[in-house]
Amino acid sequence: AGIGGGYNGSGSYITISGGEVTATGGEYGAGIGGGFEGNGSNIEISGGSVKAVAGEGFEDEGTTYFPAAIGQGVQYDGVFSNGAEVTPTDGNGNNVYLLELDVDGTSAVTINGKAYPTKHFDENKVYIYLPAKTAQAPNEVTVGNETTKYCYINAKWLKVVDSPEADDTEFTYDGTEKTYTLAESENYTITGNKQTNAGTYTVTVALNDKDNTVWNDGTTEDKKYSFVIYKADSVLETVPTPKTGLIYKGEGQNLISAGTATGGTMQYSLNFVSWSPDIPSATDAGEYTVYYKIAGNENYNGSEADSFTVNIAKKQLTVTEVAATSRDYIANDKTVDITGVTLSGIQGTDDVSVEITGLKGTLSSANADTYTSVTLPTLTLINDDRENYELVQPTSAVATNVTINKLNPTITGGETEYDKTFGDADFTLDITDDNPEANVTYSSNDENVVAVSNGTVTIKGAGPATITVSMGDSTNYNAAVDKTVTVNVARAAYSVDTINKSYLYARSNADSINLAELLPEDCGTVNYASVTYNGVLTFTS
């Protein structure tokens, strides 16, 4: 053996605690342990760089048998076999296993806090026997400034790799790439740790050589990390404002001046249910509540909704003229029926008008005339689109064209023909009329027969006469149709009282009687008949 028994001797209770040791077995002998037929046991290696090299193999009947590097030679108790390897210990009863390290030959080597040679003679290697330990509590090998951890699992050394510490950085989206920072190592590969958009991401860390490396928790599965890029808050750059001075015009009108936002999208609603980026509009008059908010997206948070009110005022309508029904004069009645009201300001084909059922206007006078204006009472709008309008009630008379017609009066009453006798008393025609504004007038076509005054007829003489009853027009009445009354006056019979005068006959008697003096002055022309004498003369006029 290189260190241990002779040709056929055993090598036991061998302790190596430091230095640089190369033990090369002699022919058929172990590097450390027994010779050709020797055994090796109780070998302790607790330090130093120890290189054990087995001796040459022994051929027997075509089979070559090799001694152990540490342990037995090729024959034991007369039986040829491969030399059994002996696992050395570290003096504390812990098995130790050979770990070959490549070194630079100059950097200090410290293992588990203990110094070791910087190289093995002229080799840039060190041969170290270490206990197996575990991934959770591995051997720590420091060469220069670099520390590597090892544990011995399943008959081989595995490099123990520390899981990288999680990154506790909080990320918020700003349009730039964010890196979830993990300690880099040649022993693993990091993927998924560079992201730009907001979201939750998984970072995978995979061992590059899962056959020869192990995580410090004893596993080889990929390590998973999760990180979040939080959405940025949207910023309301320009607050939307309500439009002012809106007046109904029969078509849609924008209710607001749009807002602007950085990040999300401005959205609007009139019912807090349906949202749209379109500017809200409305047609009908009324008060509208406009809700607005910033709608978030994949990278930006939205905002809470806010609101304000917007008014579309009713369109004012004015009355330009009215249609009224002409009628006949009615005393003290200034009203006329309104049959139509013309409005100014109606938009498009809107259906709106004034309620004219029972509507009456008031003229400036009750008298018959043609009027060009009329005063209206309070008017009411009707029909489907009335709620979009406000009627300006007229404060002065409104243009129109209406006529109050004069009435046609009638002269009635009395007789149309009278038979009278000269000498009859005055009589009244008993005329009536229905025009309180004027009086009738009377005229006789022959005042030598009759005269008339205020309806009283005086007989002037015998004969026919026609009385015309007239009444001219007045403010509210036309002239009446003349009424004619015929008066026939017969002559009156007249007797002269008997002349009681006796005359004695005498041829020379020249006495006379003046008969004219005996007659009334208005008796007219008197014709005297012949005288008949029968003792009494009778004269007939």
Protein backbone atom coordinates (compact mmCIF):
# COMPACT_ATOMS: atom_id res chain seq x y z
CA ALA A 1 0.00 0.00 0.00
CA GLY A 2 1.08 3.55 -0.47
CA ILE A 3 0.20 4.14 3.13
CA GLY A 4 -0.58 1.04 5.12
CA GLY A 5 0.33 -2.64 5.01
CA GLY A 6 3.21 -4.30 3.13
CA TYR A 7 2.93 -6.87 0.40
CA ASN A 8 0.66 -9.07 2.38
CA GLY A 9 0.08 -6.82 5.34
CA SER A 10 -3.00 -4.96 6.46
CA GLY A 11 -3.18 -1.19 7.00
CA SER A 12 -5.48 0.00 9.73
CA TYR A 13 -5.88 2.93 12.11
CA ILE A 14 -4.37 5.37 9.72
CA THR A 15 -4.99 9.09 10.45
CA ILE A 16 -4.32 11.98 8.09
CA SER A 17 -5.18 15.44 9.45
CA GLY A 18 -3.42 17.85 7.12
CA GLY A 19 -0.81 18.58 4.55
CA GLU A 20 -0.49 17.37 1.03
CA VAL A 21 -0.53 13.61 0.75
CA THR A 22 -0.23 11.45 -2.31
CA ALA A 23 -0.47 7.74 -1.46
CA THR A 24 0.16 5.44 -4.41
CA GLY A 25 -0.23 1.75 -3.80
CA GLY A 26 2.49 -0.69 -4.67
CA GLU A 27 1.93 -3.63 -6.99
CA TYR A 28 -1.58 -4.93 -6.32
CA GLY A 29 -1.81 -2.84 -3.14
CA ALA A 30 -4.26 -0.08 -2.08
CA GLY A 31 -3.22 3.52 -2.11
CA ILE A 32 -4.10 3.71 1.57
CA GLY A 33 -4.80 0.52 3.39
CA GLY A 34 -3.74 -3.07 2.75
CA GLY A 35 -1.03 -4.54 0.53
CA PHE A 36 -1.49 -7.24 -2.07
CA GLU A 37 -3.22 -9.54 0.35
CA GLY A 38 -3.82 -6.96 3.06
CA ASN A 39 -6.90 -5.38 4.48
CA GLY A 40 -7.40 -1.72 5.36
CA SER A 41 -9.68 -0.30 8.02
CA ASN A 42 -10.18 2.51 10.54
CA ILE A 43 -8.79 5.07 8.18
CA GLU A 44 -9.34 8.66 9.32
CA ILE A 45 -8.90 11.67 7.08
CA SER A 46 -9.79 14.97 8.72
CA GLY A 47 -7.71 17.49 6.78
CA GLY A 48 -5.23 18.19 4.07
CA SER A 49 -5.20 17.34 0.42
CA VAL A 50 -5.10 13.60 0.22
CA LYS A 51 -4.72 11.77 -3.06
CA ALA A 52 -4.97 7.99 -2.81
CA VAL A 53 -3.98 6.06 -5.94
CA ALA A 54 -4.49 2.29 -6.14
CA GLY A 55 -1.63 0.06 -7.29
CA GLU A 56 -1.56 -2.04 -10.41
CA GLY A 57 -4.16 -4.71 -10.96
CA PHE A 58 -3.44 -8.44 -10.77
CA GLU A 59 -4.35 -10.81 -13.60
CA ASP A 60 -5.45 -14.31 -12.81
CA GLU A 61 -6.76 -16.70 -15.44
CA GLY A 62 -7.68 -13.86 -17.79
CA THR A 63 -9.35 -11.68 -15.17
CA THR A 64 -7.70 -8.57 -13.86
CA TYR A 65 -8.41 -7.57 -10.30
CA PHE A 66 -7.75 -4.08 -9.00
CA PRO A 67 -6.94 -2.98 -5.49
CA ALA A 68 -8.90 -0.17 -3.79
CA ALA A 69 -7.65 3.38 -3.63
CA ILE A 70 -8.47 3.24 0.07
CA GLY A 71 -9.10 -0.19 1.50
CA GLN A 72 -8.04 -3.68 0.42
CA GLY A 73 -5.56 -5.18 -1.98
CA VAL A 74 -6.61 -7.71 -4.59
CA GLN A 75 -6.45 -10.83 -2.39
CA TYR A 76 -7.82 -11.48 0.96
CA ASP A 77 -7.77 -14.77 2.75
CA GLY A 78 -6.44 -16.43 -0.41
CA VAL A 79 -9.28 -15.30 -2.66
CA PHE A 80 -8.62 -12.93 -5.54
CA SER A 81 -11.12 -10.10 -5.96
CA ASN A 82 -11.28 -6.39 -6.58
CA GLY A 83 -10.16 -4.65 -3.45
CA ALA A 84 -13.08 -3.44 -1.36
CA GLU A 85 -13.18 0.29 -0.90
CA VAL A 86 -13.16 1.51 2.67
CA THR A 87 -14.94 4.75 3.45
CA PRO A 88 -12.73 6.83 5.72
CA THR A 89 -14.12 8.89 8.58
CA ASP A 90 -13.37 12.32 9.94
CA GLY A 91 -12.47 11.33 13.47
CA ASN A 92 -15.99 12.10 14.69
CA GLY A 93 -17.42 8.94 13.30
CA ASN A 94 -18.71 10.65 10.15
CA ASN A 95 -17.91 9.04 6.83
CA VAL A 96 -15.98 11.28 4.53
CA TYR A 97 -15.93 11.27 0.74
CA LEU A 98 -13.42 12.56 -1.75
CA LEU A 99 -14.16 15.94 -3.32
CA GLU A 100 -11.76 17.00 -6.05
CA LEU A 101 -11.54 20.77 -6.46
CA ASP A 102 -9.99 22.68 -9.32
CA VAL A 103 -8.08 25.63 -7.88
CA ASP A 104 -5.77 28.34 -9.17
CA GLY A 105 -3.00 27.20 -6.89
CA THR A 106 -2.64 30.53 -5.13
CA SER A 107 -5.99 31.41 -3.66
CA ALA A 108 -6.60 30.40 -0.09
CA VAL A 109 -8.79 27.37 0.38
CA THR A 110 -11.02 27.22 3.44
CA ILE A 111 -13.48 24.41 4.01
CA ASN A 112 -15.99 24.46 6.81
CA GLY A 113 -13.84 27.11 8.46
CA LYS A 114 -10.61 25.09 8.21
CA ALA A 115 -7.63 26.01 6.01
CA TYR A 116 -6.51 23.57 3.35
CA PRO A 117 -3.56 23.55 0.94
CA THR A 118 -3.90 25.93 -1.98
CA LYS A 119 -2.99 23.12 -4.36
CA HIS A 120 -1.84 19.54 -4.38
CA PHE A 121 1.86 19.68 -5.00
CA ASP A 122 2.17 20.86 -8.59
CA GLU A 123 -1.45 20.18 -9.48
CA ASN A 124 -3.99 22.99 -9.43
CA LYS A 125 -6.25 20.70 -7.54
CA VAL A 126 -6.96 19.78 -3.97
CA TYR A 127 -8.25 16.38 -2.89
CA ILE A 128 -10.44 16.80 0.13
CA TYR A 129 -12.39 14.28 2.14
CA LEU A 130 -15.52 15.75 3.56
CA PRO A 131 -18.59 14.46 5.37
CA ALA A 132 -21.75 14.09 3.28
CA LYS A 133 -23.78 16.67 5.16
CA THR A 134 -27.12 17.90 3.69
CA ALA A 135 -28.39 20.50 1.26
CA GLN A 136 -29.83 22.38 4.21
CA ALA A 137 -26.48 22.28 6.07
CA PRO A 138 -23.85 21.67 3.41
CA ASN A 139 -20.07 21.80 3.33
CA GLU A 140 -18.87 25.30 2.61
CA VAL A 141 -15.82 25.45 0.38
CA THR A 142 -14.23 28.86 -0.13
CA VAL A 143 -11.56 29.37 -2.73
CA GLY A 144 -10.36 32.90 -2.67
CA ASN A 145 -13.52 35.00 -2.40
CA GLU A 146 -15.86 32.44 -3.91
CA THR A 147 -17.75 30.03 -1.69
CA THR A 148 -19.36 26.90 -3.02
CA LYS A 149 -21.52 24.55 -1.04
CA TYR A 150 -21.58 20.78 -1.41
CA CYS A 151 -23.41 17.80 -0.07
CA TYR A 152 -23.00 14.14 -0.82
CA ILE A 153 -26.20 12.47 -2.02
CA ASN A 154 -26.67 9.16 -3.80
CA ALA A 155 -22.95 8.43 -3.96
CA LYS A 156 -21.94 11.69 -5.55
CA TRP A 157 -21.16 15.20 -4.71
CA LEU A 158 -23.81 17.76 -5.58
CA LYS A 159 -23.27 21.46 -5.68
CA VAL A 160 -25.75 23.13 -3.34
CA VAL A 161 -27.28 26.26 -4.85
CA ASP A 162 -28.98 28.86 -2.67
CA SER A 163 -32.44 29.82 -3.85
CA PRO A 164 -32.27 33.51 -4.74
CA GLU A 165 -33.92 35.87 -2.31
CA ALA A 166 -37.27 37.22 -3.46
CA ASP A 167 -37.40 40.82 -4.67
CA ASP A 168 -39.76 42.84 -2.48
CA THR A 169 -39.78 45.85 -4.79
CA GLU A 170 -43.24 47.22 -5.55
CA PHE A 171 -43.64 47.99 -9.22
CA THR A 172 -46.11 50.41 -10.79
CA TYR A 173 -46.66 50.68 -14.48
CA ASP A 174 -44.99 53.63 -16.19
CA GLY A 175 -44.44 52.28 -19.68
CA THR A 176 -40.91 51.10 -19.02
CA GLU A 177 -39.67 47.55 -18.54
CA LYS A 178 -39.58 46.39 -14.93
CA THR A 179 -37.11 43.79 -13.70
CA TYR A 180 -37.85 41.48 -10.83
CA THR A 181 -34.30 41.30 -9.55
CA LEU A 182 -32.89 37.97 -8.38
CA ALA A 183 -29.29 37.17 -7.63
CA GLU A 184 -27.73 35.84 -10.80
CA SER A 185 -25.71 32.65 -10.86
CA GLU A 186 -24.06 30.40 -13.39
CA ASN A 187 -25.93 27.58 -11.72
CA TYR A 188 -29.42 28.57 -12.80
CA THR A 189 -31.37 30.43 -15.43
CA ILE A 190 -33.97 33.12 -14.65
CA THR A 191 -36.91 33.60 -17.00
CA GLY A 192 -40.01 35.83 -16.87
CA ASN A 193 -38.55 38.50 -14.62
CA LYS A 194 -38.66 41.33 -17.14
CA GLN A 195 -42.12 42.75 -17.84
CA THR A 196 -43.62 46.06 -18.91
CA ASN A 197 -47.40 45.95 -18.63
CA ALA A 198 -49.36 45.83 -15.41
CA GLY A 199 -50.23 42.36 -14.23
CA THR A 200 -49.19 39.45 -12.05
CA TYR A 201 -46.23 37.50 -13.34
CA THR A 202 -44.42 34.29 -12.49
CA VAL A 203 -40.65 34.17 -12.54
CA THR A 204 -39.06 30.78 -13.06
CA VAL A 205 -35.58 29.90 -11.79
CA ALA A 206 -34.30 26.58 -13.16
CA LEU A 207 -31.10 24.76 -12.25
CA ASN A 208 -28.87 24.47 -15.27
CA ASP A 209 -27.56 21.01 -14.25
CA LYS A 210 -30.12 19.15 -12.23
CA ASP A 211 -27.92 16.03 -12.18
CA ASN A 212 -25.10 17.71 -10.30
CA THR A 213 -26.73 20.56 -8.47
CA VAL A 214 -29.45 20.82 -5.87
CA TRP A 215 -31.30 23.67 -4.21
CA ASN A 216 -30.52 24.42 -0.60
CA ASP A 217 -33.82 22.82 0.35
CA GLY A 218 -32.75 19.52 -1.19
CA THR A 219 -34.98 19.77 -4.28
CA THR A 220 -34.22 20.26 -7.93
CA GLU A 221 -37.62 21.50 -9.12
CA ASP A 222 -37.83 24.97 -10.64
CA LYS A 223 -38.31 27.79 -8.18
CA LYS A 224 -41.30 30.02 -8.80
CA TYR A 225 -41.60 33.64 -7.80
CA SER A 226 -44.54 35.91 -8.29
CA PHE A 227 -44.52 39.66 -8.66
CA VAL A 228 -47.03 42.33 -9.53
CA ILE A 229 -46.75 45.40 -11.67
CA TYR A 230 -49.55 47.51 -10.30
CA LYS A 231 -51.69 49.64 -12.52
CA ALA A 232 -50.86 53.32 -12.48
CA ASP A 233 -53.53 55.80 -11.45
CA SER A 234 -55.13 57.67 -14.30
CA VAL A 235 -54.91 61.44 -14.06
CA LEU A 236 -57.80 63.74 -14.92
CA GLU A 237 -56.01 66.43 -16.86
CA THR A 238 -59.04 68.48 -17.91
CA VAL A 239 -62.27 68.27 -15.96
CA PRO A 240 -65.34 68.09 -18.22
CA THR A 241 -67.61 71.08 -17.86
CA PRO A 242 -71.32 71.56 -18.51
CA LYS A 243 -72.44 73.50 -21.52
CA THR A 244 -74.32 76.63 -20.58
CA GLY A 245 -76.96 78.61 -22.41
CA LEU A 246 -78.41 75.58 -24.18
CA ILE A 247 -81.87 76.16 -25.61
CA TYR A 248 -84.06 73.53 -27.21
CA LYS A 249 -83.72 73.53 -30.99
CA GLY A 250 -85.29 70.26 -32.06
CA GLU A 251 -82.04 68.34 -32.50
CA GLY A 252 -79.35 66.78 -30.35
CA GLN A 253 -76.95 69.09 -28.56
CA ASN A 254 -73.71 68.24 -26.80
CA LEU A 255 -74.21 68.66 -23.08
CA ILE A 256 -70.58 69.07 -22.06
CA SER A 257 -67.15 70.20 -23.04
CA ALA A 258 -65.10 67.00 -22.98
CA GLY A 259 -62.52 66.23 -20.33
CA THR A 260 -59.11 64.71 -20.94
CA ALA A 261 -57.24 62.06 -19.02
CA THR A 262 -53.80 60.56 -18.95
CA GLY A 263 -53.90 56.81 -18.79
CA GLY A 264 -57.51 55.71 -18.97
CA THR A 265 -60.32 56.83 -21.21
CA MET A 266 -62.92 59.45 -20.36
CA GLN A 267 -66.38 57.95 -20.33
CA TYR A 268 -69.81 59.49 -19.83
CA SER A 269 -73.29 58.37 -18.92
CA LEU A 270 -76.72 59.87 -18.48
CA ASN A 271 -78.08 57.00 -16.40
CA PHE A 272 -75.03 55.62 -14.54
CA VAL A 273 -75.61 52.33 -16.33
CA SER A 274 -74.56 52.74 -19.94
CA TRP A 275 -71.15 54.34 -20.38
CA SER A 276 -69.51 55.61 -23.55
CA PRO A 277 -66.52 57.72 -24.56
CA ASP A 278 -68.85 59.70 -26.79
CA ILE A 279 -69.85 63.19 -25.72
CA PRO A 280 -73.37 62.90 -24.24
CA SER A 281 -76.07 64.76 -26.08
CA ALA A 282 -79.77 65.35 -25.64
CA THR A 283 -82.61 66.85 -27.64
CA ASP A 284 -85.51 67.60 -25.32
CA ALA A 285 -85.60 70.50 -22.92
CA GLY A 286 -84.96 69.57 -19.30
CA GLU A 287 -82.34 69.01 -16.66
CA TYR A 288 -79.82 66.24 -17.27
CA THR A 289 -77.37 64.67 -14.86
CA VAL A 290 -74.11 63.88 -16.65
CA TYR A 291 -71.88 61.32 -14.99
CA TYR A 292 -68.21 61.09 -15.93
CA LYS A 293 -65.29 58.92 -14.95
CA ILE A 294 -61.98 57.63 -16.21
CA ALA A 295 -62.31 54.04 -17.42
CA GLY A 296 -59.23 52.06 -16.58
CA ASN A 297 -57.41 49.66 -18.88
CA GLU A 298 -54.80 46.96 -18.59
CA ASN A 299 -52.23 49.43 -17.28
CA TYR A 300 -54.24 52.18 -15.59
CA ASN A 301 -56.77 52.30 -12.80
CA GLY A 302 -60.02 54.06 -13.47
CA SER A 303 -61.50 56.79 -11.31
CA GLU A 304 -64.64 57.13 -9.24
CA ALA A 305 -67.57 58.64 -11.08
CA ASP A 306 -68.53 62.27 -10.55
CA SER A 307 -71.43 64.25 -11.96
CA PHE A 308 -72.97 67.61 -12.64
CA THR A 309 -76.25 68.84 -14.09
CA VAL A 310 -76.86 70.44 -17.45
CA ASN A 311 -79.98 72.30 -18.52
CA ILE A 312 -81.53 72.63 -21.94
CA ALA A 313 -83.91 75.52 -21.57
CA LYS A 314 -87.30 75.49 -23.19
CA LYS A 315 -87.53 77.36 -26.46
CA GLN A 316 -89.56 80.51 -26.09
CA LEU A 317 -92.50 80.94 -28.41
CA THR A 318 -94.05 84.29 -29.16
CA VAL A 319 -97.48 85.07 -30.54
CA THR A 320 -97.25 87.01 -33.80
CA GLU A 321 -100.91 87.14 -34.80
CA VAL A 322 -104.21 85.45 -34.22
CA ALA A 323 -107.20 84.54 -36.31
CA ALA A 324 -110.57 85.57 -34.91
CA THR A 325 -114.13 85.04 -36.08
CA SER A 326 -116.00 88.14 -37.17
CA ARG A 327 -119.46 88.52 -35.70
CA ASP A 328 -122.41 90.86 -35.35
CA TYR A 329 -122.46 93.57 -32.77
CA ILE A 330 -123.52 92.60 -29.24
CA ALA A 331 -123.99 95.41 -26.84
CA ASN A 332 -121.15 95.74 -24.30
CA ASP A 333 -119.45 92.57 -25.56
CA LYS A 334 -115.81 93.13 -26.50
CA THR A 335 -114.97 89.44 -26.93
CA VAL A 336 -114.37 87.47 -30.11
CA ASP A 337 -113.77 83.79 -30.68
CA ILE A 338 -110.10 82.99 -31.39
CA THR A 339 -109.78 80.32 -34.08
CA GLY A 340 -106.04 80.26 -34.53
CA VAL A 341 -102.81 81.51 -32.94
CA THR A 342 -99.66 81.94 -35.01
CA LEU A 343 -96.50 81.15 -33.01
CA SER A 344 -92.96 82.18 -33.81
CA GLY A 345 -90.07 79.93 -32.75
CA ILE A 346 -91.38 76.41 -33.48
CA GLN A 347 -88.51 74.14 -34.50
CA GLY A 348 -88.80 71.99 -37.60
CA THR A 349 -91.94 69.91 -37.72
CA ASP A 350 -92.60 69.95 -33.99
CA ASP A 351 -96.21 69.47 -32.99
CA VAL A 352 -97.09 72.31 -30.67
CA SER A 353 -99.90 74.84 -30.73
CA VAL A 354 -102.16 76.90 -28.51
CA GLU A 355 -105.34 75.47 -27.04
CA ILE A 356 -108.12 77.43 -28.75
CA THR A 357 -111.12 75.53 -27.45
CA GLY A 358 -113.31 78.20 -25.89
CA LEU A 359 -110.57 80.77 -26.33
CA LYS A 360 -111.78 84.36 -26.55
CA GLY A 361 -109.90 87.57 -27.13
CA THR A 362 -110.87 91.03 -26.02
CA LEU A 363 -111.13 93.95 -28.43
CA SER A 364 -110.48 97.53 -27.49
CA SER A 365 -114.16 98.34 -27.87
CA ALA A 366 -117.50 96.62 -28.12
CA ASN A 367 -118.54 98.84 -31.06
CA ALA A 368 -118.95 97.63 -34.58
CA ASP A 369 -115.72 98.16 -36.47
CA THR A 370 -112.79 96.35 -38.08
CA TYR A 371 -110.06 95.67 -35.52
CA THR A 372 -106.39 94.98 -36.17
CA SER A 373 -105.44 93.87 -32.68
CA VAL A 374 -106.89 91.86 -29.85
CA THR A 375 -105.91 91.27 -26.25
CA LEU A 376 -105.52 87.62 -25.29
CA PRO A 377 -105.97 85.85 -21.96
CA THR A 378 -103.38 83.41 -20.58
CA LEU A 379 -102.61 80.89 -23.30
CA THR A 380 -101.88 77.18 -22.91
CA LEU A 381 -99.63 75.10 -25.15
CA ILE A 382 -100.84 71.69 -26.30
CA ASN A 383 -99.75 68.68 -28.38
CA ASP A 384 -96.83 66.26 -28.29
CA ASP A 385 -93.87 68.63 -28.24
CA ARG A 386 -95.28 71.23 -25.87
CA GLU A 387 -92.88 70.32 -23.03
CA ASN A 388 -89.99 71.66 -25.07
CA TYR A 389 -91.46 75.12 -25.30
CA GLU A 390 -92.30 78.05 -23.09
CA LEU A 391 -94.91 80.47 -24.32
CA VAL A 392 -94.21 84.13 -23.75
CA GLN A 393 -97.60 85.40 -22.74
CA PRO A 394 -98.50 88.51 -24.73
CA THR A 395 -98.47 91.63 -22.59
CA SER A 396 -100.07 93.82 -25.22
CA ALA A 397 -102.63 93.46 -27.96
CA VAL A 398 -101.77 91.01 -30.77
CA ALA A 399 -102.27 91.59 -34.47
CA THR A 400 -105.47 90.26 -35.99
CA ASN A 401 -108.12 91.21 -38.55
CA VAL A 402 -111.64 90.85 -37.28
CA THR A 403 -114.84 92.72 -37.87
CA ILE A 404 -117.76 93.44 -35.58
CA ASN A 405 -120.59 93.88 -38.03
CA LYS A 406 -123.30 96.54 -37.62
CA LEU A 407 -126.76 95.20 -36.98
CA ASN A 408 -129.67 95.75 -39.37
CA PRO A 409 -132.44 97.39 -37.36
CA THR A 410 -136.13 97.03 -38.18
CA ILE A 411 -138.92 99.65 -37.95
CA THR A 412 -142.06 97.88 -36.83
CA GLY A 413 -145.43 98.54 -35.25
CA GLY A 414 -148.52 100.58 -36.19
CA GLU A 415 -150.70 100.35 -39.23
CA THR A 416 -149.49 100.67 -42.75
CA GLU A 417 -152.64 102.55 -43.85
CA TYR A 418 -155.02 104.86 -42.05
CA ASP A 419 -158.43 106.11 -43.23
CA LYS A 420 -159.27 109.42 -41.66
CA THR A 421 -161.80 112.17 -42.18
CA PHE A 422 -160.97 115.75 -42.26
CA GLY A 423 -161.47 117.10 -38.85
CA ASP A 424 -160.41 113.94 -37.05
CA ALA A 425 -158.15 114.40 -34.06
CA ASP A 426 -154.40 113.87 -34.12
CA PHE A 427 -153.34 110.29 -33.87
CA THR A 428 -150.11 108.40 -33.10
CA LEU A 429 -148.47 106.00 -35.57
CA ASP A 430 -147.26 103.74 -32.71
CA ILE A 431 -143.87 103.00 -34.39
CA THR A 432 -141.20 100.87 -32.65
CA ASP A 433 -137.60 100.03 -33.62
CA ASP A 434 -134.67 97.97 -32.29
CA ASN A 435 -131.86 100.50 -32.59
CA PRO A 436 -131.31 102.12 -29.22
CA GLU A 437 -128.65 104.38 -30.67
CA ALA A 438 -130.87 106.35 -33.12
CA ASN A 439 -134.39 107.79 -33.39
CA VAL A 440 -136.79 107.41 -36.24
CA THR A 441 -137.72 110.40 -38.33
CA TYR A 442 -141.01 111.09 -40.02
CA SER A 443 -141.86 112.93 -43.23
CA SER A 444 -145.12 113.57 -45.05
CA ASN A 445 -145.20 113.84 -48.78
CA ASP A 446 -148.14 116.29 -48.54
CA GLU A 447 -148.20 118.38 -45.48
CA ASN A 448 -151.43 120.03 -46.74
CA VAL A 449 -153.08 116.73 -45.98
CA VAL A 450 -151.16 115.53 -42.92
CA ALA A 451 -148.27 116.74 -40.84
CA VAL A 452 -146.31 114.46 -38.51
CA SER A 453 -144.12 115.24 -35.55
CA ASN A 454 -142.48 112.60 -33.30
CA GLY A 455 -144.98 110.07 -34.53
CA THR A 456 -148.08 112.22 -33.97
CA VAL A 457 -150.08 112.88 -37.12
CA THR A 458 -152.15 116.01 -37.57
CA ILE A 459 -154.73 116.12 -40.36
CA LYS A 460 -154.45 119.25 -42.42
CA GLY A 461 -156.79 118.58 -45.23
CA ALA A 462 -158.65 115.99 -47.19
CA GLY A 463 -156.81 113.80 -49.58
CA PRO A 464 -154.16 111.02 -49.64
CA ALA A 465 -150.73 111.42 -48.09
CA THR A 466 -147.77 109.13 -47.50
CA ILE A 467 -145.75 109.30 -44.32
CA THR A 468 -142.22 107.89 -44.56
CA VAL A 469 -140.71 106.58 -41.33
CA SER A 470 -136.85 106.52 -41.54
CA MET A 471 -133.89 105.77 -39.26
CA GLY A 472 -130.30 106.44 -40.32
CA ASP A 473 -127.22 104.38 -39.43
CA SER A 474 -125.41 104.71 -36.13
CA THR A 475 -122.22 103.41 -34.54
CA ASN A 476 -123.43 99.85 -34.35
CA TYR A 477 -126.47 99.79 -36.59
CA ASN A 478 -127.02 100.19 -40.28
CA ALA A 479 -129.79 102.48 -41.58
CA ALA A 480 -133.18 100.83 -41.30
CA VAL A 481 -135.40 100.13 -44.27
CA ASP A 482 -137.96 102.93 -44.50
CA LYS A 483 -141.48 102.17 -43.44
CA THR A 484 -144.33 103.93 -45.30
CA VAL A 485 -147.73 104.70 -43.86
CA THR A 486 -150.60 105.79 -46.09
CA VAL A 487 -153.18 108.22 -44.70
CA ASN A 488 -156.38 108.76 -46.61
CA VAL A 489 -158.29 111.85 -45.37
CA ALA A 490 -161.90 112.10 -46.50
CA ARG A 491 -163.79 115.36 -46.67
CA ALA A 492 -165.88 116.18 -43.67
CA ALA A 493 -169.71 116.73 -43.97
CA TYR A 494 -170.78 120.28 -42.75
CA SER A 495 -174.20 121.73 -42.04
CA VAL A 496 -174.86 125.42 -41.58
CA ASP A 497 -177.25 126.24 -38.89
CA THR A 498 -180.72 127.27 -40.10
CA ILE A 499 -180.92 130.96 -40.85
CA ASN A 500 -183.98 132.15 -39.13
CA LYS A 501 -184.59 135.23 -41.04
CA SER A 502 -187.73 136.14 -42.67
CA TYR A 503 -187.93 138.40 -45.64
CA LEU A 504 -191.00 140.10 -46.88
CA TYR A 505 -191.39 139.90 -50.53
CA ALA A 506 -190.91 143.14 -52.26
CA ARG A 507 -189.60 143.64 -55.58
CA SER A 508 -187.35 146.29 -54.47
CA ASN A 509 -185.99 144.40 -51.49
CA ALA A 510 -182.21 144.16 -51.81
CA ASP A 511 -181.40 142.44 -48.56
CA SER A 512 -178.71 139.76 -48.72
CA ILE A 513 -177.22 136.97 -46.66
CA ASN A 514 -173.41 136.35 -46.67
CA LEU A 515 -173.27 132.59 -46.55
CA ALA A 516 -169.47 132.50 -46.58
CA GLU A 517 -169.40 134.09 -43.24
CA LEU A 518 -171.42 131.26 -41.95
CA LEU A 519 -168.90 128.59 -43.10
CA PRO A 520 -165.62 127.63 -41.36
CA GLU A 521 -162.48 129.15 -42.77
CA ASP A 522 -161.02 125.77 -43.71
CA CYS A 523 -164.05 124.52 -45.56
CA GLY A 524 -162.45 124.94 -48.86
CA THR A 525 -164.07 126.09 -52.00
CA VAL A 526 -167.86 126.37 -51.72
CA ASN A 527 -170.10 125.85 -54.60
CA TYR A 528 -173.61 127.02 -54.25
CA ALA A 529 -176.45 125.20 -55.82
CA SER A 530 -179.56 126.79 -57.22
CA VAL A 531 -182.14 128.27 -54.88
CA THR A 532 -185.23 126.38 -54.38
CA TYR A 533 -188.14 128.27 -52.93
CA ASN A 534 -190.79 126.52 -51.07
CA GLY A 535 -191.38 129.09 -48.59
CA VAL A 536 -188.08 128.36 -47.15
CA LEU A 537 -184.86 128.89 -49.09
CA THR A 538 -182.33 126.23 -48.64
CA PHE A 539 -178.74 126.76 -49.77
CA THR A 540 -176.53 123.85 -50.26
CA SER A 541 -172.88 124.41 -50.21
